[in-house]
Amino acid sequence: MPFDTDIDGTVTEGETKELAVSPEREDGTFFVPDSLTATVTFADGTTTSKSLSDFQREGDALVAPVDFSVAGRAEIEIEVEDEKGNVERIAGSDGATVLVES
């Protein structure tokens, strides 16, 4: 169950960016998962989380706004569960890392 995200690189402190997640079946087709959680951990240790209900479908992606309110490195961790109970998680060095500049 591969999936992609679109936030990576550098953003400005206080900027709101859209996090797009594109879950795919093994054949490459998009699907809406049974469960989706995205957690952003900021440099000061604070976190913000988005669940499936926070995401809106836009084409072959699920999109939710994320406010990058703390300068420093922000780690994005995403967990997706399909209808069969299969869970895929992107975290740590595999997840997205964003530098939030002040």
C-alpha atoms as a PDB file:
ATOM      1  CA  MET A   1       0.000   0.000   0.000  1.00  0.00           C
ATOM      2  CA  PRO A   2       2.385   2.729  -1.134  1.00  0.00           C
ATOM      3  CA  PHE A   3       1.523   6.376  -0.708  1.00  0.00           C
ATOM      4  CA  ASP A   4       3.120   9.742  -1.346  1.00  0.00           C
ATOM      5  CA  THR A   5       3.136  13.074   0.455  1.00  0.00           C
ATOM      6  CA  ASP A   6       3.864  16.485  -0.985  1.00  0.00           C
ATOM      7  CA  ILE A   7       5.367  18.538   1.865  1.00  0.00           C
ATOM      8  CA  ASP A   8       9.125  18.475   1.993  1.00  0.00           C
ATOM      9  CA  GLY A   9      11.820  21.112   2.048  1.00  0.00           C
ATOM     10  CA  THR A  10      11.518  24.544   3.613  1.00  0.00           C
ATOM     11  CA  VAL A  11       8.552  26.632   4.759  1.00  0.00           C
ATOM     12  CA  THR A  12       8.310  29.948   6.585  1.00  0.00           C
ATOM     13  CA  GLU A  13       7.294  30.041  10.251  1.00  0.00           C
ATOM     14  CA  GLY A  14       3.571  30.803  10.500  1.00  0.00           C
ATOM     15  CA  GLU A  15       2.901  29.533   6.983  1.00  0.00           C
ATOM     16  CA  THR A  16       0.037  27.128   6.374  1.00  0.00           C
ATOM     17  CA  LYS A  17       0.766  24.462   3.784  1.00  0.00           C
ATOM     18  CA  GLU A  18      -1.462  21.729   2.454  1.00  0.00           C
ATOM     19  CA  LEU A  19      -0.373  18.175   3.192  1.00  0.00           C
ATOM     20  CA  ALA A  20      -1.471  15.884   0.381  1.00  0.00           C
ATOM     21  CA  VAL A  21      -1.478  12.132   0.894  1.00  0.00           C
ATOM     22  CA  SER A  22      -2.061   9.774  -2.029  1.00  0.00           C
ATOM     23  CA  PRO A  23      -2.746   6.195  -0.855  1.00  0.00           C
ATOM     24  CA  GLU A  24      -2.487   3.603  -3.613  1.00  0.00           C
ATOM     25  CA  ARG A  25      -3.440  -0.038  -3.951  1.00  0.00           C
ATOM     26  CA  GLU A  26      -0.847  -2.507  -5.192  1.00  0.00           C
ATOM     27  CA  ASP A  27      -2.076  -1.904  -8.760  1.00  0.00           C
ATOM     28  CA  GLY A  28      -1.400   1.831  -8.386  1.00  0.00           C
ATOM     29  CA  THR A  29      -5.028   2.989  -8.119  1.00  0.00           C
ATOM     30  CA  PHE A  30      -5.994   5.617  -5.550  1.00  0.00           C
ATOM     31  CA  PHE A  31      -8.236   4.668  -2.621  1.00  0.00           C
ATOM     32  CA  VAL A  32      -9.693   6.394   0.435  1.00  0.00           C
ATOM     33  CA  PRO A  33      -8.318   4.563   3.494  1.00  0.00           C
ATOM     34  CA  ASP A  34     -10.366   3.418   6.489  1.00  0.00           C
ATOM     35  CA  SER A  35      -7.977   5.341   8.739  1.00  0.00           C
ATOM     36  CA  LEU A  36      -5.450   8.112   8.156  1.00  0.00           C
ATOM     37  CA  THR A  37      -3.432   9.985  10.768  1.00  0.00           C
ATOM     38  CA  ALA A  38      -0.779  12.612  10.095  1.00  0.00           C
ATOM     39  CA  THR A  39       1.248  13.970  13.014  1.00  0.00           C
ATOM     40  CA  VAL A  40       3.682  16.867  12.787  1.00  0.00           C
ATOM     41  CA  THR A  41       6.255  17.146  15.576  1.00  0.00           C
ATOM     42  CA  PHE A  42       7.892  20.563  15.805  1.00  0.00           C
ATOM     43  CA  ALA A  43      11.397  21.425  17.038  1.00  0.00           C
ATOM     44  CA  ASP A  44      10.098  22.443  20.478  1.00  0.00           C
ATOM     45  CA  GLY A  45       8.376  19.067  20.962  1.00  0.00           C
ATOM     46  CA  THR A  46       4.821  20.269  20.335  1.00  0.00           C
ATOM     47  CA  THR A  47       2.684  18.266  17.942  1.00  0.00           C
ATOM     48  CA  THR A  48      -0.350  18.744  15.765  1.00  0.00           C
ATOM     49  CA  SER A  49      -2.360  15.876  14.318  1.00  0.00           C
ATOM     50  CA  LYS A  50      -4.781  15.463  11.452  1.00  0.00           C
ATOM     51  CA  SER A  51      -7.175  12.531  11.122  1.00  0.00           C
ATOM     52  CA  LEU A  52      -9.109  11.268   8.110  1.00  0.00           C
ATOM     53  CA  SER A  53     -12.011  13.658   8.859  1.00  0.00           C
ATOM     54  CA  ASP A  54      -9.623  16.642   8.516  1.00  0.00           C
ATOM     55  CA  PHE A  55      -8.700  15.680   4.945  1.00  0.00           C
ATOM     56  CA  GLN A  56     -10.640  16.623   1.820  1.00  0.00           C
ATOM     57  CA  ARG A  57     -10.403  14.669  -1.408  1.00  0.00           C
ATOM     58  CA  GLU A  58      -8.825  16.557  -4.307  1.00  0.00           C
ATOM     59  CA  GLY A  59      -8.437  14.305  -7.324  1.00  0.00           C
ATOM     60  CA  ASP A  60      -6.222  11.365  -6.372  1.00  0.00           C
ATOM     61  CA  ALA A  61      -5.126  12.921  -3.085  1.00  0.00           C
ATOM     62  CA  LEU A  62      -6.425  13.615   0.390  1.00  0.00           C
ATOM     63  CA  VAL A  63      -5.470  17.148   1.462  1.00  0.00           C
ATOM     64  CA  ALA A  64      -5.382  18.872   4.876  1.00  0.00           C
ATOM     65  CA  PRO A  65      -3.923  22.233   5.953  1.00  0.00           C
ATOM     66  CA  VAL A  66      -0.989  22.228   8.382  1.00  0.00           C
ATOM     67  CA  ASP A  67       0.127  25.380  10.219  1.00  0.00           C
ATOM     68  CA  PHE A  68       3.904  25.459  10.601  1.00  0.00           C
ATOM     69  CA  SER A  69       3.968  27.698  13.675  1.00  0.00           C
ATOM     70  CA  VAL A  70       7.334  26.791  15.240  1.00  0.00           C
ATOM     71  CA  ALA A  71      10.730  27.466  13.669  1.00  0.00           C
ATOM     72  CA  GLY A  72      13.183  24.581  13.328  1.00  0.00           C
ATOM     73  CA  ARG A  73      12.941  21.059  12.017  1.00  0.00           C
ATOM     74  CA  ALA A  74       9.454  19.520  11.800  1.00  0.00           C
ATOM     75  CA  GLU A  75       8.937  15.772  11.335  1.00  0.00           C
ATOM     76  CA  ILE A  76       5.813  14.483   9.595  1.00  0.00           C
ATOM     77  CA  GLU A  77       4.606  10.974  10.451  1.00  0.00           C
ATOM     78  CA  ILE A  78       1.752   9.392   8.530  1.00  0.00           C
ATOM     79  CA  GLU A  79      -0.163   6.186   9.135  1.00  0.00           C
ATOM     80  CA  VAL A  80      -2.683   4.749   6.672  1.00  0.00           C
ATOM     81  CA  GLU A  81      -4.949   1.710   7.180  1.00  0.00           C
ATOM     82  CA  ASP A  82      -6.886   0.056   4.359  1.00  0.00           C
ATOM     83  CA  GLU A  83     -10.181  -1.852   4.521  1.00  0.00           C
ATOM     84  CA  LYS A  84      -8.323  -5.144   5.123  1.00  0.00           C
ATOM     85  CA  GLY A  85      -6.575  -3.809   8.209  1.00  0.00           C
ATOM     86  CA  ASN A  86      -3.216  -3.429   6.484  1.00  0.00           C
ATOM     87  CA  VAL A  87      -1.289  -0.538   8.002  1.00  0.00           C
ATOM     88  CA  GLU A  88       1.520   1.417   6.384  1.00  0.00           C
ATOM     89  CA  ARG A  89       3.459   4.032   8.276  1.00  0.00           C
ATOM     90  CA  ILE A  90       5.980   6.612   7.161  1.00  0.00           C
ATOM     91  CA  ALA A  91       7.999   8.059  10.021  1.00  0.00           C
ATOM     92  CA  GLY A  92      11.474   9.115  11.072  1.00  0.00           C
ATOM     93  CA  SER A  93      14.029   9.042   8.304  1.00  0.00           C
ATOM     94  CA  ASP A  94      11.386   7.625   5.936  1.00  0.00           C
ATOM     95  CA  GLY A  95       8.913  10.423   6.657  1.00  0.00           C
ATOM     96  CA  ALA A  96       8.901  13.991   5.486  1.00  0.00           C
ATOM     97  CA  THR A  97      11.175  16.467   7.217  1.00  0.00           C
ATOM     98  CA  VAL A  98      10.504  20.171   6.858  1.00  0.00           C
ATOM     99  CA  LEU A  99      12.733  23.045   7.861  1.00  0.00           C
ATOM    100  CA  VAL A 100      10.581  25.860   9.254  1.00  0.00           C
ATOM    101  CA  GLU A 101      12.482  29.142   8.893  1.00  0.00           C
ATOM    102  CA  SER A 102      11.758  32.151  11.072  1.00  0.00           C
END
